[in-house]
Protein backbone atom coordinates (compact mmCIF):
# COMPACT_ATOMS: atom_id res chain seq x y z
CA UNK A 1 21.13 16.04 -4.16
CA UNK A 2 18.50 19.08 -5.04
CA UNK A 3 19.64 21.88 -7.56
CA UNK A 4 21.66 21.25 -11.02
CA UNK A 5 20.13 18.24 -12.75
CA UNK A 6 22.60 15.12 -13.02
CA UNK A 7 24.92 16.76 -10.27
CA UNK A 8 25.11 13.63 -8.68
CA UNK A 9 25.95 11.67 -11.27
CA UNK A 10 28.67 14.00 -12.79
CA UNK A 11 29.96 14.39 -9.22
CA UNK A 12 30.21 10.39 -8.53
CA UNK A 13 32.00 10.20 -11.98
CA UNK A 14 34.45 12.87 -11.47
CA UNK A 15 35.17 10.79 -7.94
CA UNK A 16 35.63 7.62 -9.61
CA UNK A 17 38.15 9.40 -12.08
CA UNK A 18 40.37 10.89 -9.13
CA UNK A 19 40.63 7.34 -7.14
CA UNK A 20 41.85 6.09 -10.85
CA UNK A 21 44.12 9.14 -11.30
CA UNK A 22 47.69 8.01 -10.93
CA UNK A 23 48.58 11.52 -9.76
CA UNK A 24 47.56 13.21 -6.26
CA UNK A 25 47.26 11.71 -2.80
CA UNK A 26 44.46 8.84 -2.12
CA UNK A 27 43.28 7.61 1.51
CA UNK A 28 40.73 4.85 2.82
CA UNK A 29 39.71 4.30 6.34
CA UNK A 30 37.80 1.59 7.77
CA UNK A 31 36.03 2.84 10.60
CA UNK A 32 33.53 0.46 12.91
CA UNK A 33 31.26 2.22 15.81
CA UNK A 34 29.00 0.23 17.83
CA UNK A 35 26.68 2.30 19.73
CA UNK A 36 24.15 1.39 22.65
CA UNK A 37 21.42 3.72 24.06
CA UNK A 38 19.67 3.26 27.26
CA UNK A 39 15.76 3.57 27.27
CA UNK A 40 14.18 5.79 29.91
CA UNK A 41 11.16 3.54 30.52
CA UNK A 42 9.67 5.31 33.14
CA UNK A 43 9.55 8.59 31.18
CA UNK A 44 5.97 9.84 29.96
CA UNK A 45 7.48 9.82 26.40
CA UNK A 46 8.29 6.61 26.79
CA UNK A 47 6.73 3.91 23.81
CA UNK A 48 7.38 0.32 24.08
CA UNK A 49 7.87 -1.66 20.88
CA UNK A 50 6.76 -2.47 18.52
CA UNK A 51 5.10 0.79 17.74
CA UNK A 52 8.89 2.30 18.16
CA UNK A 53 11.47 0.17 17.45
CA UNK A 54 13.59 -0.44 20.74
CA UNK A 55 17.06 0.44 18.67
CA UNK A 56 19.14 -0.15 21.89
CA UNK A 57 21.99 -1.52 19.50
CA UNK A 58 23.19 0.04 16.43
CA UNK A 59 26.33 -0.33 14.48
CA UNK A 60 27.73 2.32 11.54
CA UNK A 61 30.40 0.45 9.31
CA UNK A 62 32.32 2.90 6.94
CA UNK A 63 34.41 2.61 4.63
CA UNK A 64 35.78 6.55 4.09
CA UNK A 65 37.79 7.30 1.03
CA UNK A 66 39.62 10.61 0.12
CA UNK A 67 41.33 11.30 -2.64
CA UNK A 68 43.44 14.70 -3.17
CA UNK A 69 45.36 16.45 -5.58
CA UNK A 70 46.31 19.99 -6.19
CA UNK A 71 43.20 22.10 -5.80
CA UNK A 72 40.61 18.72 -5.95
CA UNK A 73 39.46 17.43 -2.80
CA UNK A 74 37.35 14.57 -3.37
CA UNK A 75 35.96 12.54 -0.24
CA UNK A 76 33.01 9.43 -0.02
CA UNK A 77 31.77 7.02 2.54
CA UNK A 78 30.25 3.34 1.75
CA UNK A 79 28.25 2.79 5.08
CA UNK A 80 26.33 0.11 6.32
CA UNK A 81 23.93 1.08 9.03
CA UNK A 82 22.65 -1.80 11.65
CA UNK A 83 20.04 -1.32 14.22
CA UNK A 84 18.12 -2.99 16.45
CA UNK A 85 14.77 -3.44 14.71
CA UNK A 86 15.78 -2.18 11.87
CA UNK A 87 17.05 -3.54 8.52
CA UNK A 88 20.17 -2.81 8.02
CA UNK A 89 21.04 -0.08 5.45
CA UNK A 90 23.65 0.24 2.59
CA UNK A 91 24.26 3.63 1.21
CA UNK A 92 27.09 5.86 -0.28
CA UNK A 93 27.58 9.19 0.86
CA UNK A 94 29.58 12.01 -1.31
CA UNK A 95 31.16 13.70 1.86
CA UNK A 96 32.65 16.26 -0.58
CA UNK A 97 33.78 16.90 -4.15
CA UNK A 98 35.16 20.46 -4.67
CA UNK A 99 38.24 22.22 -6.73
CA UNK A 100 39.97 25.77 -4.91
CA UNK A 101 41.68 27.27 -7.94
CA UNK A 102 43.52 30.97 -7.91
CA UNK A 103 42.07 33.63 -9.94
CA UNK A 104 45.25 35.79 -9.34
CA UNK A 105 47.42 36.27 -6.19
CA UNK A 106 45.75 36.91 -3.19
CA UNK A 107 42.34 35.58 -4.73
CA UNK A 108 40.83 32.46 -5.32
CA UNK A 109 37.58 30.38 -5.90
CA UNK A 110 35.82 27.44 -5.08
CA UNK A 111 33.22 25.39 -7.04
CA UNK A 112 31.32 22.26 -5.83
CA UNK A 113 30.20 20.08 -2.12
CA UNK A 114 32.42 21.73 0.85
CA UNK A 115 32.56 21.26 4.14
CA UNK A 116 32.59 24.85 5.26
CA UNK A 117 32.55 25.71 9.24
CA UNK A 118 32.56 29.30 10.16
CA UNK A 119 32.71 31.34 13.52
CA UNK A 120 34.16 30.82 17.06
CA UNK A 121 32.54 28.34 19.88
CA UNK A 122 33.12 24.78 20.75
CA UNK A 123 29.66 23.43 21.84
CA UNK A 124 27.67 26.02 19.73
CA UNK A 125 28.51 28.04 16.87
CA UNK A 126 26.33 30.89 16.05
CA UNK A 127 27.93 32.47 12.81
CA UNK A 128 28.21 29.27 11.35
CA UNK A 129 25.66 29.95 8.87
CA UNK A 130 26.58 27.92 5.82
CA UNK A 131 27.23 24.26 7.20
CA UNK A 132 25.00 24.22 10.16
CA UNK A 133 26.64 21.86 11.61
CA UNK A 134 25.36 19.97 15.13
CA UNK A 135 28.02 20.09 17.61
CA UNK A 136 26.60 18.76 20.14
CA UNK A 137 26.58 15.15 18.53
CA UNK A 138 28.58 11.93 20.62
CA UNK A 139 30.71 10.76 18.51
CA UNK A 140 29.14 11.69 14.88
CA UNK A 141 30.01 10.34 11.28
CA UNK A 142 32.28 12.29 9.29
CA UNK A 143 30.13 15.66 8.08
CA UNK A 144 28.71 16.06 4.54
CA UNK A 145 29.40 19.25 2.82
CA UNK A 146 27.11 21.88 0.64
CA UNK A 147 26.94 22.54 -2.70
CA UNK A 148 28.43 25.82 -3.26
CA UNK A 149 30.41 28.06 -5.25
CA UNK A 150 32.48 30.58 -3.50
CA UNK A 151 34.95 33.28 -4.06
CA UNK A 152 37.98 33.89 -1.60
CA UNK A 153 40.22 37.51 -1.44
CA UNK A 154 43.09 36.93 1.34
CA UNK A 155 46.33 38.72 2.72
CA UNK A 156 48.54 37.72 5.55
CA UNK A 157 45.76 39.32 8.08
CA UNK A 158 42.63 39.79 6.71
CA UNK A 159 40.48 37.58 4.61
CA UNK A 160 37.27 37.80 2.67
CA UNK A 161 34.53 34.94 1.26
CA UNK A 162 31.39 35.05 -0.29
CA UNK A 163 29.64 31.92 -0.97
CA UNK A 164 26.37 31.12 -2.79
CA UNK A 165 25.25 28.45 -1.18
CA UNK A 166 22.58 25.81 -2.97
CA UNK A 167 23.15 27.12 -6.22
CA UNK A 168 20.35 26.21 -8.44
CA UNK A 169 18.02 25.30 -5.42
CA UNK A 170 14.01 26.64 -4.95
CA UNK A 171 12.44 27.17 -1.37
CA UNK A 172 13.57 24.78 1.04
CA UNK A 173 11.73 24.25 4.34
CA UNK A 174 14.59 22.99 6.33
CA UNK A 175 18.45 25.00 6.71
CA UNK A 176 19.82 22.03 5.30
CA UNK A 177 18.63 22.88 1.62
CA UNK A 178 17.88 26.30 1.87
CA UNK A 179 19.87 28.32 -0.75
CA UNK A 180 20.93 32.06 0.24
CA UNK A 181 24.39 34.41 -0.56
CA UNK A 182 26.79 34.66 2.53
CA UNK A 183 29.92 36.31 3.21
CA UNK A 184 32.36 36.07 5.73
CA UNK A 185 34.83 38.46 6.76
CA UNK A 186 38.09 37.88 8.97
CA UNK A 187 41.12 40.26 10.61
CA UNK A 188 43.72 40.26 12.62
CA UNK A 189 43.93 43.10 14.75
CA UNK A 190 46.06 43.33 17.93
CA UNK A 191 45.99 39.90 18.41
CA UNK A 192 42.22 39.54 18.52
CA UNK A 193 41.02 37.50 15.88
CA UNK A 194 37.52 39.13 14.54
CA UNK A 195 34.83 37.66 12.50
CA UNK A 196 32.14 38.94 10.73
CA UNK A 197 29.45 37.30 8.49
CA UNK A 198 26.19 38.05 6.70
CA UNK A 199 23.58 36.21 4.75
CA UNK A 200 20.41 36.54 2.75
CA UNK A 201 18.20 33.66 1.94
CA UNK A 202 14.28 32.58 1.75
CA UNK A 203 14.11 31.21 4.72
CA UNK A 204 15.95 33.64 7.24
CA UNK A 205 15.94 36.49 5.01
CA UNK A 206 18.83 38.86 6.75
CA UNK A 207 21.52 36.87 9.30
CA UNK A 208 24.07 39.52 10.57
CA UNK A 209 26.69 38.84 13.21
CA UNK A 210 30.07 39.64 14.67
CA UNK A 211 32.63 37.55 16.86
CA UNK A 212 36.28 37.75 18.03
CA UNK A 213 38.56 35.55 19.77
CA UNK A 214 41.45 36.42 21.58
CA UNK A 215 44.68 34.78 23.70
CA UNK A 216 45.78 35.77 26.74
CA UNK A 217 48.98 34.94 27.93
CA UNK A 218 50.14 31.27 26.87
CA UNK A 219 47.85 29.71 28.18
CA UNK A 220 44.07 31.34 28.36
CA UNK A 221 41.56 32.13 25.24
CA UNK A 222 38.66 34.18 25.21
CA UNK A 223 35.85 34.05 22.76
CA UNK A 224 32.06 35.48 22.00
CA UNK A 225 29.69 35.58 18.75
CA UNK A 226 26.11 36.97 18.33
CA UNK A 227 24.20 36.48 15.12
CA UNK A 228 20.68 38.69 14.31
CA UNK A 229 18.01 36.45 12.53
CA UNK A 230 15.70 38.30 10.62
CA UNK A 231 13.13 35.61 10.84
CA UNK A 232 13.75 32.02 13.21
CA UNK A 233 12.41 28.73 13.29
CA UNK A 234 10.85 26.73 16.03
CA UNK A 235 9.66 23.02 15.95
CA UNK A 236 6.87 23.19 18.06
CA UNK A 237 3.66 20.65 19.10
CA UNK A 238 0.90 22.53 17.47
CA UNK A 239 -2.04 21.01 20.08
CA UNK A 240 0.45 21.96 23.15
CA UNK A 241 0.62 25.59 21.46
CA UNK A 242 -3.56 25.51 21.03
CA UNK A 243 -4.90 23.52 23.89
CA UNK A 244 -8.18 22.03 22.93
CA UNK A 245 -7.63 18.15 21.13
CA UNK A 246 -5.58 15.81 22.94
CA UNK A 247 -4.72 13.79 19.93
CA UNK A 248 -3.48 14.14 16.49
CA UNK A 249 -4.34 12.20 13.26
CA UNK A 250 -1.06 13.32 12.13
CA UNK A 251 2.43 14.28 13.32
CA UNK A 252 1.83 17.36 15.19
CA UNK A 253 5.48 18.58 15.29
CA UNK A 254 5.40 21.64 13.34
CA UNK A 255 7.94 24.48 12.08
CA UNK A 256 6.66 27.81 12.90
CA UNK A 257 7.77 31.34 12.07
CA UNK A 258 9.59 32.77 15.46
CA UNK A 259 10.25 36.20 14.32
CA UNK A 260 13.28 38.11 14.83
CA UNK A 261 15.79 37.02 17.45
CA UNK A 262 19.62 36.53 18.63
CA UNK A 263 21.96 33.34 18.97
CA UNK A 264 24.90 33.74 21.17
CA UNK A 265 27.95 32.64 22.53
CA UNK A 266 30.73 33.20 24.89
CA UNK A 267 33.82 31.40 26.44
CA UNK A 268 36.61 30.48 28.20
CA UNK A 269 39.29 28.42 27.70
CA UNK A 270 42.66 27.38 29.74
CA UNK A 271 45.18 25.23 28.59
CA UNK A 272 47.88 23.80 30.48
CA UNK A 273 51.61 23.11 29.96
CA UNK A 274 50.83 19.43 31.68
CA UNK A 275 48.36 18.54 29.38
CA UNK A 276 45.26 19.72 31.37
CA UNK A 277 42.75 22.12 29.77
CA UNK A 278 39.63 23.42 30.84
CA UNK A 279 36.84 24.98 29.06
CA UNK A 280 33.29 26.90 30.30
CA UNK A 281 30.97 28.20 27.64
CA UNK A 282 27.66 29.30 27.74
CA UNK A 283 25.27 30.23 24.75
CA UNK A 284 21.85 31.38 23.79
CA UNK A 285 19.51 29.96 20.79
CA UNK A 286 16.25 31.75 20.27
CA UNK A 287 15.19 28.96 18.13
CA UNK A 288 15.35 26.49 20.66
CA UNK A 289 12.45 25.66 23.53
CA UNK A 290 11.60 28.00 26.30
CA UNK A 291 10.88 26.12 29.93
CA UNK A 292 7.05 27.34 29.08
CA UNK A 293 6.83 25.15 25.84
CA UNK A 294 8.37 22.48 27.85
CA UNK A 295 6.07 22.80 30.64
CA UNK A 296 2.88 22.81 27.99
CA UNK A 297 4.23 19.83 26.18
CA UNK A 298 3.88 18.18 29.56
CA UNK A 299 0.70 18.70 30.74
CA UNK A 300 -0.44 17.46 27.02
CA UNK A 301 1.89 14.28 27.78
CA UNK A 302 0.18 13.86 30.89
CA UNK A 303 -3.19 14.10 29.65
CA UNK A 304 -2.75 11.67 27.18
CA UNK A 305 -1.49 9.56 29.35
CA UNK A 306 -4.91 9.69 31.53
CA UNK A 307 -6.89 8.59 28.17
CA UNK A 308 -5.22 5.16 29.00
CA UNK A 309 -8.52 2.57 28.61
CA UNK A 310 -10.52 5.20 26.73
CA UNK A 311 -9.16 5.82 23.93
CA UNK A 312 -7.09 3.33 21.64
CA UNK A 313 -3.68 2.58 22.98
CA UNK A 314 -2.35 2.77 19.58
CA UNK A 315 -3.44 7.00 19.07
CA UNK A 316 -1.91 7.49 22.17
CA UNK A 317 1.24 6.22 21.37
CA UNK A 318 1.55 7.41 18.45
CA UNK A 319 1.11 11.10 19.46
CA UNK A 320 4.07 10.53 22.22
CA UNK A 321 5.98 9.23 19.95
CA UNK A 322 5.66 11.88 18.07
CA UNK A 323 5.99 14.15 20.43
CA UNK A 324 9.11 12.84 21.52
CA UNK A 325 10.81 14.08 18.45
CA UNK A 326 11.23 17.19 20.55
CA UNK A 327 14.17 15.68 22.44
CA UNK A 328 16.28 15.17 19.08
CA UNK A 329 16.63 18.93 18.55
CA UNK A 330 20.13 20.50 19.14
CA UNK A 331 19.01 22.38 21.87
CA UNK A 332 16.60 21.68 24.37
CA UNK A 333 16.48 24.84 26.01
CA UNK A 334 17.45 28.25 24.52
CA UNK A 335 19.80 29.12 27.80
CA UNK A 336 22.94 26.37 28.15
CA UNK A 337 26.10 26.38 30.08
CA UNK A 338 29.06 23.95 29.18
CA UNK A 339 31.91 22.92 31.59
CA UNK A 340 34.50 20.68 29.84
CA UNK A 341 37.58 19.14 31.31
CA UNK A 342 40.20 17.63 28.89
CA UNK A 343 43.55 15.98 29.12
CA UNK A 344 46.30 15.45 26.56
CA UNK A 345 48.92 13.16 26.65
CA UNK A 346 50.85 11.55 24.15
CA UNK A 347 48.68 9.04 21.93
CA UNK A 348 45.94 9.97 24.63
CA UNK A 349 42.82 12.87 24.68
CA UNK A 350 40.51 12.22 27.40
CA UNK A 351 37.35 14.60 28.48
CA UNK A 352 34.37 14.97 31.18
CA UNK A 353 32.21 17.19 30.32
CA UNK A 354 28.79 19.05 32.02
CA UNK A 355 26.11 20.40 29.82
CA UNK A 356 23.39 22.10 32.22
CA UNK A 357 20.17 24.09 31.26
CA UNK A 358 20.24 26.66 33.93
CA UNK A 359 16.25 27.19 33.52
CA UNK A 360 15.21 24.03 33.96
CA UNK A 361 18.14 22.19 36.20
CA UNK A 362 18.68 19.76 33.12
CA UNK A 363 22.38 18.11 33.29
CA UNK A 364 24.10 15.95 30.60
CA UNK A 365 27.45 14.40 31.72
CA UNK A 366 29.54 13.36 28.99
CA UNK A 367 33.03 11.26 29.60
CA UNK A 368 35.25 9.74 26.74
CA UNK A 369 38.87 8.76 25.37
CA UNK A 370 40.87 8.03 22.64
CA UNK A 371 43.85 6.75 22.17
CA UNK A 372 46.12 7.34 18.28
CA UNK A 373 48.59 5.13 16.94
CA UNK A 374 50.30 4.90 13.72
CA UNK A 375 47.95 3.94 11.89
CA UNK A 376 44.64 2.80 14.20
CA UNK A 377 42.88 5.30 16.33
CA UNK A 378 40.57 3.49 19.22
CA UNK A 379 37.67 5.89 21.22
CA UNK A 380 34.95 5.68 23.56
CA UNK A 381 32.49 7.83 25.18
CA UNK A 382 29.12 7.63 27.48
CA UNK A 383 26.74 10.07 28.05
CA UNK A 384 24.06 10.26 30.60
CA UNK A 385 20.97 12.63 30.83
CA UNK A 386 19.07 13.99 33.73
CA UNK A 387 19.30 16.50 36.13
CA UNK A 388 15.99 18.07 38.15
CA UNK A 389 13.35 15.57 38.07
CA UNK A 390 10.87 18.43 36.10
CA UNK A 391 13.56 19.58 33.32
CA UNK A 392 13.49 18.38 29.88
CA UNK A 393 16.80 16.22 29.92
CA UNK A 394 15.56 14.15 33.32
CA UNK A 395 12.21 13.46 30.75
CA UNK A 396 13.79 12.39 27.64
CA UNK A 397 12.62 8.94 26.58
CA UNK A 398 16.36 7.77 26.51
CA UNK A 399 18.91 8.13 29.55
CA UNK A 400 22.26 7.21 27.90
CA UNK A 401 24.02 6.52 24.93
CA UNK A 402 27.60 4.68 24.48
CA UNK A 403 29.72 4.09 21.84
CA UNK A 404 33.14 2.75 20.60
CA UNK A 405 34.83 3.61 17.44
CA UNK A 406 37.84 1.52 15.97
CA UNK A 407 39.15 3.21 13.08
CA UNK A 408 42.22 1.79 10.71
CA UNK A 409 43.90 3.37 7.95
CA UNK A 410 44.35 1.40 4.92
């Protein structure tokens, strides 16, 4: 962690004290999550080993520890991550360590490291200006909170939270470490949930947004949210944006100032008494790529492929591997449409969903199920990338992924 000197050691010591305390509630969970990834060897962005490790198979083994005592909440993970073609990595993660206290009736504070997600939305939450969670990951590990100091004021139908995110941090070149002051207001009025956020930071300057959610009858709910950013950021390929040279000596994917813009989400959800549910959601992200951005990168990639036999293969493949990092962005295009069908019955939860990028005809299909017992949980999922032949998802060097996860409460 950055910020206050010695914070990592102090927080680790506090965690050990908490876990050895006689009072409070302590839980431990073992999680084993193997996953498989299929390579799209026909993709122009695919680079064969050994330059890029195959990484078709991986195993995440976690021992999750959590301790709660009054306002104290400590959560840590001991992880072993093994991936094909790489040396296994072991590390400890301090997911959360914070204290919630009361100043006066209806007023409180939080100090420490905490997961703090704001706003509405399923696949995308534009008002999530503190946590910045990527909600499109397949079977993500437990979230890691952010260092913060917060003050809350709340009543039965309203609340106001002011957060100093990453106190003591300097200027950052990523959202995770970006310091700033944020506020979140909530009000329940006439059966509607209203949300308002504002944030000031060095990286984005001013951000402000509004959202709402409304239950319609017993089965339907509607929601929407929008966020204005005074300064957005986009990660683009410098050679694709400035035609000329075809090969770079260093990674050409670089962040650039995207200027002011908006992010938004709108959705409708139906939940039936039988356990079936349907969700339809669309969102827009001005920091994501446009169709023209992908077309320029596709043209550059084809030109690089044409250099085979004329330039060293190592140079060509290195540039292809760098460009393929664009496929790891949370949203590949600005416009996205999600349809999700789910079914819950007793101990089972299942879903089938389709994510579409209407601008280029891309399609991501996901299916999954989970069974929850008294002390065990087993889940699995499968995701397939494709769609129109010239879409970004169809060009991905990764064609599919699957996982199985077993969790056991010790």
